Amino acid sequence: AGHKWFTGVSVRGAEPVTDADLDAIVHTVSRHGIRYLYVHVGPVLPDGSIADTPSAMPGRLMERSPEVVHLAWLGGLTGQLDMKDPQWVESFLKTAEQLMATGFRGVHLNFEPLLDHHPGYIELLTALRQQLGPQAVLSHATHRSGPFGLSFGPMDRYFWSADFYHLTMAHTDQTVLMGYDTGLGTGEHYLAFLGHQTRLLVRWAASVPGHQVLIGIP
């Protein structure tokens, strides 16, 4: 869900979200049986904060769709996020805690590019769990696994290994594969690729009780 559902105004024209807009998204969510709604709260800034503060809109949206799990979607460019810096981590944890206080059930991380065994990432997930508690939903967008779970050398820029997937699954509740922008030119090849990814991730997730795998498709 777009950033306007966090601030209450459109990004380009700064026009207020109307009651009709709210009715429309609630109808869409209900009609399609949507269970999880990722509300874009903004890119994470280099100091671990986000630029905007929540309006009343997230609360109104949550009140109108109580059957939905609303997660705060936090994007960010890893080149600007020093996950190994204790001060940055402390600031980011404070941001996540403030979002939970707004009413979100958890957070969805979408940091890119995130390499295989990215320095500081597992430690960040561990700190998030400790800070937010067991009831918070920790979700994150993930890169493709290497073929049969293999990733080494220059492959780690584009693929995650089975080992890294196991580690992230142990520290999160939800894996959301970014199964798009593959560059594959035919439907047949894409289906084979996505089938392979799905089989790997579901098999790995089966070893973590309650862990969910979602597949993001174009």
C-alpha atoms as a PDB file:
ATOM      1  CA  ALA A   1       0.000   0.000   0.000  1.00  0.00           C
ATOM      2  CA  GLY A   2       1.364   3.393  -0.985  1.00  0.00           C
ATOM      3  CA  HIS A   3       2.947   6.003   1.235  1.00  0.00           C
ATOM      4  CA  LYS A   4      -0.263   8.043   1.360  1.00  0.00           C
ATOM      5  CA  TRP A   5      -1.775   5.451   3.694  1.00  0.00           C
ATOM      6  CA  PHE A   6       0.884   6.477   6.219  1.00  0.00           C
ATOM      7  CA  THR A   7       0.858  10.257   5.834  1.00  0.00           C
ATOM      8  CA  GLY A   8      -2.768  10.739   4.785  1.00  0.00           C
ATOM      9  CA  VAL A   9      -1.774  12.748   1.694  1.00  0.00           C
ATOM     10  CA  SER A  10      -0.688  11.787  -1.812  1.00  0.00           C
ATOM     11  CA  VAL A  11       3.034  11.819  -2.535  1.00  0.00           C
ATOM     12  CA  ARG A  12       2.984  13.986  -5.666  1.00  0.00           C
ATOM     13  CA  GLY A  13       0.104  16.391  -5.188  1.00  0.00           C
ATOM     14  CA  ALA A  14      -0.086  16.362  -1.381  1.00  0.00           C
ATOM     15  CA  GLU A  15      -3.835  15.914  -1.748  1.00  0.00           C
ATOM     16  CA  PRO A  16      -5.622  14.475   1.296  1.00  0.00           C
ATOM     17  CA  VAL A  17      -6.793  10.880   1.124  1.00  0.00           C
ATOM     18  CA  THR A  18     -10.591  10.957   0.874  1.00  0.00           C
ATOM     19  CA  ASP A  19     -13.227   8.807   2.506  1.00  0.00           C
ATOM     20  CA  ALA A  20     -13.915   7.395  -0.967  1.00  0.00           C
ATOM     21  CA  ASP A  21     -10.262   6.357  -1.254  1.00  0.00           C
ATOM     22  CA  LEU A  22     -10.491   4.608   2.098  1.00  0.00           C
ATOM     23  CA  ASP A  23     -13.727   2.868   1.116  1.00  0.00           C
ATOM     24  CA  ALA A  24     -12.085   1.681  -2.102  1.00  0.00           C
ATOM     25  CA  ILE A  25      -9.016   0.097  -0.507  1.00  0.00           C
ATOM     26  CA  VAL A  26     -11.095  -1.551   2.221  1.00  0.00           C
ATOM     27  CA  HIS A  27     -13.383  -3.003  -0.461  1.00  0.00           C
ATOM     28  CA  THR A  28     -10.400  -4.255  -2.481  1.00  0.00           C
ATOM     29  CA  VAL A  29      -8.804  -5.908   0.542  1.00  0.00           C
ATOM     30  CA  SER A  30     -12.065  -7.591   1.520  1.00  0.00           C
ATOM     31  CA  ARG A  31     -13.024  -8.655  -1.999  1.00  0.00           C
ATOM     32  CA  HIS A  32      -9.705 -10.347  -2.694  1.00  0.00           C
ATOM     33  CA  GLY A  33      -9.249 -11.883   0.735  1.00  0.00           C
ATOM     34  CA  ILE A  34      -5.987 -10.018   1.327  1.00  0.00           C
ATOM     35  CA  ARG A  35      -4.445 -11.105   4.617  1.00  0.00           C
ATOM     36  CA  TYR A  36      -1.309  -8.943   4.788  1.00  0.00           C
ATOM     37  CA  LEU A  37      -1.078  -5.261   3.912  1.00  0.00           C
ATOM     38  CA  TYR A  38       2.376  -3.712   3.650  1.00  0.00           C
ATOM     39  CA  VAL A  39       2.025   0.020   4.238  1.00  0.00           C
ATOM     40  CA  HIS A  40       4.978   1.992   2.896  1.00  0.00           C
ATOM     41  CA  VAL A  41       6.189   4.169   5.763  1.00  0.00           C
ATOM     42  CA  GLY A  42       9.247   5.433   3.953  1.00  0.00           C
ATOM     43  CA  PRO A  43      12.835   4.687   3.153  1.00  0.00           C
ATOM     44  CA  VAL A  44      15.097   4.386   6.165  1.00  0.00           C
ATOM     45  CA  LEU A  45      17.420   7.381   6.357  1.00  0.00           C
ATOM     46  CA  PRO A  46      21.174   7.111   7.001  1.00  0.00           C
ATOM     47  CA  ASP A  47      20.585   7.920  10.684  1.00  0.00           C
ATOM     48  CA  GLY A  48      18.092   5.058  11.138  1.00  0.00           C
ATOM     49  CA  SER A  49      14.974   7.226  11.193  1.00  0.00           C
ATOM     50  CA  ILE A  50      12.253   7.869   8.610  1.00  0.00           C
ATOM     51  CA  ALA A  51      11.284  11.272   7.239  1.00  0.00           C
ATOM     52  CA  ASP A  52       7.551  11.314   7.923  1.00  0.00           C
ATOM     53  CA  THR A  53       5.420  10.866  11.002  1.00  0.00           C
ATOM     54  CA  PRO A  54       2.182   8.895  10.883  1.00  0.00           C
ATOM     55  CA  SER A  55      -1.115  10.666  10.408  1.00  0.00           C
ATOM     56  CA  ALA A  56      -4.464   9.384  11.619  1.00  0.00           C
ATOM     57  CA  MET A  57      -4.820   7.439   8.359  1.00  0.00           C
ATOM     58  CA  PRO A  58      -3.069   4.186   9.419  1.00  0.00           C
ATOM     59  CA  GLY A  59      -5.365   3.954  12.426  1.00  0.00           C
ATOM     60  CA  ARG A  60      -8.439   4.539  10.270  1.00  0.00           C
ATOM     61  CA  LEU A  61      -7.291   1.901   7.802  1.00  0.00           C
ATOM     62  CA  MET A  62      -6.614  -0.618  10.579  1.00  0.00           C
ATOM     63  CA  GLU A  63      -9.991   0.073  12.171  1.00  0.00           C
ATOM     64  CA  ARG A  64     -11.788  -0.513   8.866  1.00  0.00           C
ATOM     65  CA  SER A  65      -9.903  -3.747   8.092  1.00  0.00           C
ATOM     66  CA  PRO A  66      -9.371  -5.518  11.436  1.00  0.00           C
ATOM     67  CA  GLU A  67      -9.017  -8.927   9.781  1.00  0.00           C
ATOM     68  CA  VAL A  68      -5.850  -7.755   8.011  1.00  0.00           C
ATOM     69  CA  VAL A  69      -2.323  -7.860   9.440  1.00  0.00           C
ATOM     70  CA  HIS A  70      -0.910  -4.392   8.785  1.00  0.00           C
ATOM     71  CA  LEU A  71       2.878  -4.253   8.528  1.00  0.00           C
ATOM     72  CA  ALA A  72       5.081  -1.170   8.292  1.00  0.00           C
ATOM     73  CA  TRP A  73       7.094  -1.465   5.070  1.00  0.00           C
ATOM     74  CA  LEU A  74      10.600  -0.048   5.532  1.00  0.00           C
ATOM     75  CA  GLY A  75      12.749   0.226   2.426  1.00  0.00           C
ATOM     76  CA  GLY A  76      16.326   1.363   2.205  1.00  0.00           C
ATOM     77  CA  LEU A  77      19.575   1.324   0.251  1.00  0.00           C
ATOM     78  CA  THR A  78      22.142  -0.768   2.076  1.00  0.00           C
ATOM     79  CA  GLY A  79      24.941   1.544   0.976  1.00  0.00           C
ATOM     80  CA  GLN A  80      23.398   4.186   3.244  1.00  0.00           C
ATOM     81  CA  LEU A  81      22.532   1.923   6.188  1.00  0.00           C
ATOM     82  CA  ASP A  82      25.390   0.981   8.511  1.00  0.00           C
ATOM     83  CA  MET A  83      23.900  -2.081  10.167  1.00  0.00           C
ATOM     84  CA  LYS A  84      27.179  -2.685  12.014  1.00  0.00           C
ATOM     85  CA  ASP A  85      27.031   0.689  13.765  1.00  0.00           C
ATOM     86  CA  PRO A  86      25.453   0.368  17.265  1.00  0.00           C
ATOM     87  CA  GLN A  87      24.138   3.947  17.100  1.00  0.00           C
ATOM     88  CA  TRP A  88      22.408   3.297  13.787  1.00  0.00           C
ATOM     89  CA  VAL A  89      20.901   0.081  15.118  1.00  0.00           C
ATOM     90  CA  GLU A  90      19.643   1.865  18.239  1.00  0.00           C
ATOM     91  CA  SER A  91      18.022   4.576  16.126  1.00  0.00           C
ATOM     92  CA  PHE A  92      16.422   2.048  13.782  1.00  0.00           C
ATOM     93  CA  LEU A  93      15.050   0.014  16.691  1.00  0.00           C
ATOM     94  CA  LYS A  94      13.488   3.179  18.079  1.00  0.00           C
ATOM     95  CA  THR A  95      11.877   3.836  14.686  1.00  0.00           C
ATOM     96  CA  ALA A  96      10.449   0.310  14.596  1.00  0.00           C
ATOM     97  CA  GLU A  97       9.155   0.636  18.154  1.00  0.00           C
ATOM     98  CA  GLN A  98       7.401   3.904  17.296  1.00  0.00           C
ATOM     99  CA  LEU A  99       5.725   2.248  14.314  1.00  0.00           C
ATOM    100  CA  MET A 100       4.479  -0.574  16.513  1.00  0.00           C
ATOM    101  CA  ALA A 101       3.050   2.028  18.901  1.00  0.00           C
ATOM    102  CA  THR A 102       1.091   3.427  15.940  1.00  0.00           C
ATOM    103  CA  GLY A 103      -0.755   0.126  15.710  1.00  0.00           C
ATOM    104  CA  PHE A 104       1.213  -1.854  13.155  1.00  0.00           C
ATOM    105  CA  ARG A 105       1.464  -5.573  13.938  1.00  0.00           C
ATOM    106  CA  GLY A 106       5.069  -5.721  12.780  1.00  0.00           C
ATOM    107  CA  VAL A 107       7.601  -4.544  10.227  1.00  0.00           C
ATOM    108  CA  HIS A 108       8.508  -5.582   6.702  1.00  0.00           C
ATOM    109  CA  LEU A 109      12.125  -4.905   5.727  1.00  0.00           C
ATOM    110  CA  ASN A 110      13.054  -4.296   2.101  1.00  0.00           C
ATOM    111  CA  PHE A 111      16.748  -3.386   2.124  1.00  0.00           C
ATOM    112  CA  GLU A 112      18.538  -3.588  -1.219  1.00  0.00           C
ATOM    113  CA  PRO A 113      20.924  -4.780  -2.396  1.00  0.00           C
ATOM    114  CA  LEU A 114      21.271  -7.300   0.411  1.00  0.00           C
ATOM    115  CA  LEU A 115      24.139  -9.695  -0.232  1.00  0.00           C
ATOM    116  CA  ASP A 116      24.390 -13.281   0.890  1.00  0.00           C
ATOM    117  CA  HIS A 117      25.499 -13.159   4.561  1.00  0.00           C
ATOM    118  CA  HIS A 118      25.256  -9.369   4.507  1.00  0.00           C
ATOM    119  CA  PRO A 119      27.309  -7.948   7.397  1.00  0.00           C
ATOM    120  CA  GLY A 120      25.143  -7.005  10.364  1.00  0.00           C
ATOM    121  CA  TYR A 121      21.811  -8.208   8.981  1.00  0.00           C
ATOM    122  CA  ILE A 122      21.285 -11.272  11.162  1.00  0.00           C
ATOM    123  CA  GLU A 123      22.343  -9.248  14.199  1.00  0.00           C
ATOM    124  CA  LEU A 124      19.791  -6.580  13.234  1.00  0.00           C
ATOM    125  CA  LEU A 125      17.019  -9.175  12.994  1.00  0.00           C
ATOM    126  CA  THR A 126      18.023 -10.530  16.401  1.00  0.00           C
ATOM    127  CA  ALA A 127      17.917  -7.039  17.919  1.00  0.00           C
ATOM    128  CA  LEU A 128      14.524  -6.354  16.335  1.00  0.00           C
ATOM    129  CA  ARG A 129      13.058  -9.489  17.886  1.00  0.00           C
ATOM    130  CA  GLN A 130      14.438  -8.597  21.284  1.00  0.00           C
ATOM    131  CA  GLN A 131      13.150  -5.033  21.040  1.00  0.00           C
ATOM    132  CA  LEU A 132       9.679  -5.703  19.610  1.00  0.00           C
ATOM    133  CA  GLY A 133       8.952  -8.964  21.380  1.00  0.00           C
ATOM    134  CA  PRO A 134       7.624 -12.340  20.222  1.00  0.00           C
ATOM    135  CA  GLN A 135       4.196 -10.972  19.252  1.00  0.00           C
ATOM    136  CA  ALA A 136       5.572  -8.704  16.512  1.00  0.00           C
ATOM    137  CA  VAL A 137       5.537  -9.996  12.945  1.00  0.00           C
ATOM    138  CA  LEU A 138       8.999  -9.749  11.389  1.00  0.00           C
ATOM    139  CA  SER A 139       8.793  -9.945   7.614  1.00  0.00           C
ATOM    140  CA  HIS A 140      11.351  -9.212   4.935  1.00  0.00           C
ATOM    141  CA  ALA A 141      11.765  -9.155   1.170  1.00  0.00           C
ATOM    142  CA  THR A 142      14.393 -11.656   0.082  1.00  0.00           C
ATOM    143  CA  HIS A 143      16.609 -12.245  -2.919  1.00  0.00           C
ATOM    144  CA  ARG A 144      16.480 -15.370  -5.020  1.00  0.00           C
ATOM    145  CA  SER A 145      18.236 -18.454  -3.868  1.00  0.00           C
ATOM    146  CA  GLY A 146      21.108 -19.725  -5.950  1.00  0.00           C
ATOM    147  CA  PRO A 147      20.466 -22.930  -7.929  1.00  0.00           C
ATOM    148  CA  PHE A 148      19.843 -25.733  -5.399  1.00  0.00           C
ATOM    149  CA  GLY A 149      20.738 -23.276  -2.641  1.00  0.00           C
ATOM    150  CA  LEU A 150      24.264 -22.593  -3.851  1.00  0.00           C
ATOM    151  CA  SER A 151      25.837 -19.144  -3.792  1.00  0.00           C
ATOM    152  CA  PHE A 152      29.532 -18.376  -3.800  1.00  0.00           C
ATOM    153  CA  GLY A 153      31.994 -15.867  -5.211  1.00  0.00           C
ATOM    154  CA  PRO A 154      30.361 -13.178  -7.357  1.00  0.00           C
ATOM    155  CA  MET A 155      27.019 -15.018  -7.130  1.00  0.00           C
ATOM    156  CA  ASP A 156      26.433 -13.578  -3.652  1.00  0.00           C
ATOM    157  CA  ARG A 157      25.528 -10.228  -5.210  1.00  0.00           C
ATOM    158  CA  TYR A 158      22.486 -11.767  -6.858  1.00  0.00           C
ATOM    159  CA  PHE A 159      21.622 -14.957  -4.963  1.00  0.00           C
ATOM    160  CA  TRP A 160      21.343 -16.116  -1.372  1.00  0.00           C
ATOM    161  CA  SER A 161      22.679 -19.425  -0.166  1.00  0.00           C
ATOM    162  CA  ALA A 162      20.639 -22.064   1.623  1.00  0.00           C
ATOM    163  CA  ASP A 163      22.660 -21.325   4.761  1.00  0.00           C
ATOM    164  CA  PHE A 164      21.730 -17.634   4.760  1.00  0.00           C
ATOM    165  CA  TYR A 165      18.094 -18.461   4.102  1.00  0.00           C
ATOM    166  CA  HIS A 166      18.079 -20.843   7.075  1.00  0.00           C
ATOM    167  CA  LEU A 167      19.554 -18.119   9.282  1.00  0.00           C
ATOM    168  CA  THR A 168      17.077 -15.442   8.207  1.00  0.00           C
ATOM    169  CA  MET A 169      14.117 -17.788   8.548  1.00  0.00           C
ATOM    170  CA  ALA A 170      15.155 -18.615  12.103  1.00  0.00           C
ATOM    171  CA  HIS A 171      14.969 -14.910  12.975  1.00  0.00           C
ATOM    172  CA  THR A 172      11.820 -13.872  11.071  1.00  0.00           C
ATOM    173  CA  ASP A 173       8.189 -14.888  10.679  1.00  0.00           C
ATOM    174  CA  GLN A 174       7.758 -14.263   6.983  1.00  0.00           C
ATOM    175  CA  THR A 175       9.930 -14.656   3.899  1.00  0.00           C
ATOM    176  CA  VAL A 176       8.692 -12.706   0.870  1.00  0.00           C
ATOM    177  CA  LEU A 177      10.630 -13.705  -2.239  1.00  0.00           C
ATOM    178  CA  MET A 178      11.181 -10.966  -4.810  1.00  0.00           C
ATOM    179  CA  GLY A 179      10.402 -13.285  -7.691  1.00  0.00           C
ATOM    180  CA  TYR A 180      10.253 -10.568 -10.337  1.00  0.00           C
ATOM    181  CA  ASP A 181      12.731  -8.651 -12.520  1.00  0.00           C
ATOM    182  CA  THR A 182      14.471 -11.899 -13.390  1.00  0.00           C
ATOM    183  CA  GLY A 183      15.369 -10.944 -16.942  1.00  0.00           C
ATOM    184  CA  LEU A 184      14.063 -14.294 -18.180  1.00  0.00           C
ATOM    185  CA  GLY A 185      12.579 -13.851 -21.617  1.00  0.00           C
ATOM    186  CA  THR A 186      10.012 -16.643 -21.839  1.00  0.00           C
ATOM    187  CA  GLY A 187       7.137 -17.822 -19.697  1.00  0.00           C
ATOM    188  CA  GLU A 188       8.410 -21.387 -19.785  1.00  0.00           C
ATOM    189  CA  HIS A 189      11.779 -20.436 -18.314  1.00  0.00           C
ATOM    190  CA  TYR A 190      10.202 -18.149 -15.727  1.00  0.00           C
ATOM    191  CA  LEU A 191       7.797 -20.841 -14.551  1.00  0.00           C
ATOM    192  CA  ALA A 192      10.635 -23.338 -14.192  1.00  0.00           C
ATOM    193  CA  PHE A 193      12.698 -20.798 -12.246  1.00  0.00           C
ATOM    194  CA  LEU A 194       9.858 -19.801  -9.935  1.00  0.00           C
ATOM    195  CA  GLY A 195       8.895 -23.420  -9.336  1.00  0.00           C
ATOM    196  CA  HIS A 196      12.455 -24.223  -8.297  1.00  0.00           C
ATOM    197  CA  GLN A 197      12.583 -21.214  -5.954  1.00  0.00           C
ATOM    198  CA  THR A 198       9.245 -22.091  -4.375  1.00  0.00           C
ATOM    199  CA  ARG A 199      10.211 -25.705  -3.726  1.00  0.00           C
ATOM    200  CA  LEU A 200      13.487 -24.672  -2.077  1.00  0.00           C
ATOM    201  CA  LEU A 201      11.996 -21.983   0.155  1.00  0.00           C
ATOM    202  CA  VAL A 202       9.000 -24.024   1.265  1.00  0.00           C
ATOM    203  CA  ARG A 203      11.243 -26.968   2.132  1.00  0.00           C
ATOM    204  CA  TRP A 204      13.569 -24.774   4.177  1.00  0.00           C
ATOM    205  CA  ALA A 205      10.700 -22.989   5.917  1.00  0.00           C
ATOM    206  CA  ALA A 206       9.199 -26.318   6.945  1.00  0.00           C
ATOM    207  CA  SER A 207      11.998 -26.659   9.503  1.00  0.00           C
ATOM    208  CA  VAL A 208      10.918 -23.412  11.237  1.00  0.00           C
ATOM    209  CA  PRO A 209       7.546 -23.828  12.970  1.00  0.00           C
ATOM    210  CA  GLY A 210       5.012 -21.249  11.782  1.00  0.00           C
ATOM    211  CA  HIS A 211       7.296 -19.614   9.245  1.00  0.00           C
ATOM    212  CA  GLN A 212       5.534 -18.359   6.125  1.00  0.00           C
ATOM    213  CA  VAL A 213       6.760 -18.088   2.555  1.00  0.00           C
ATOM    214  CA  LEU A 214       5.134 -15.611   0.176  1.00  0.00           C
ATOM    215  CA  ILE A 215       6.088 -15.322  -3.475  1.00  0.00           C
ATOM    216  CA  GLY A 216       6.161 -11.891  -5.106  1.00  0.00           C
ATOM    217  CA  ILE A 217       5.406 -12.186  -8.820  1.00  0.00           C
ATOM    218  CA  PRO A 218       5.219  -9.521 -11.556  1.00  0.00           C
END
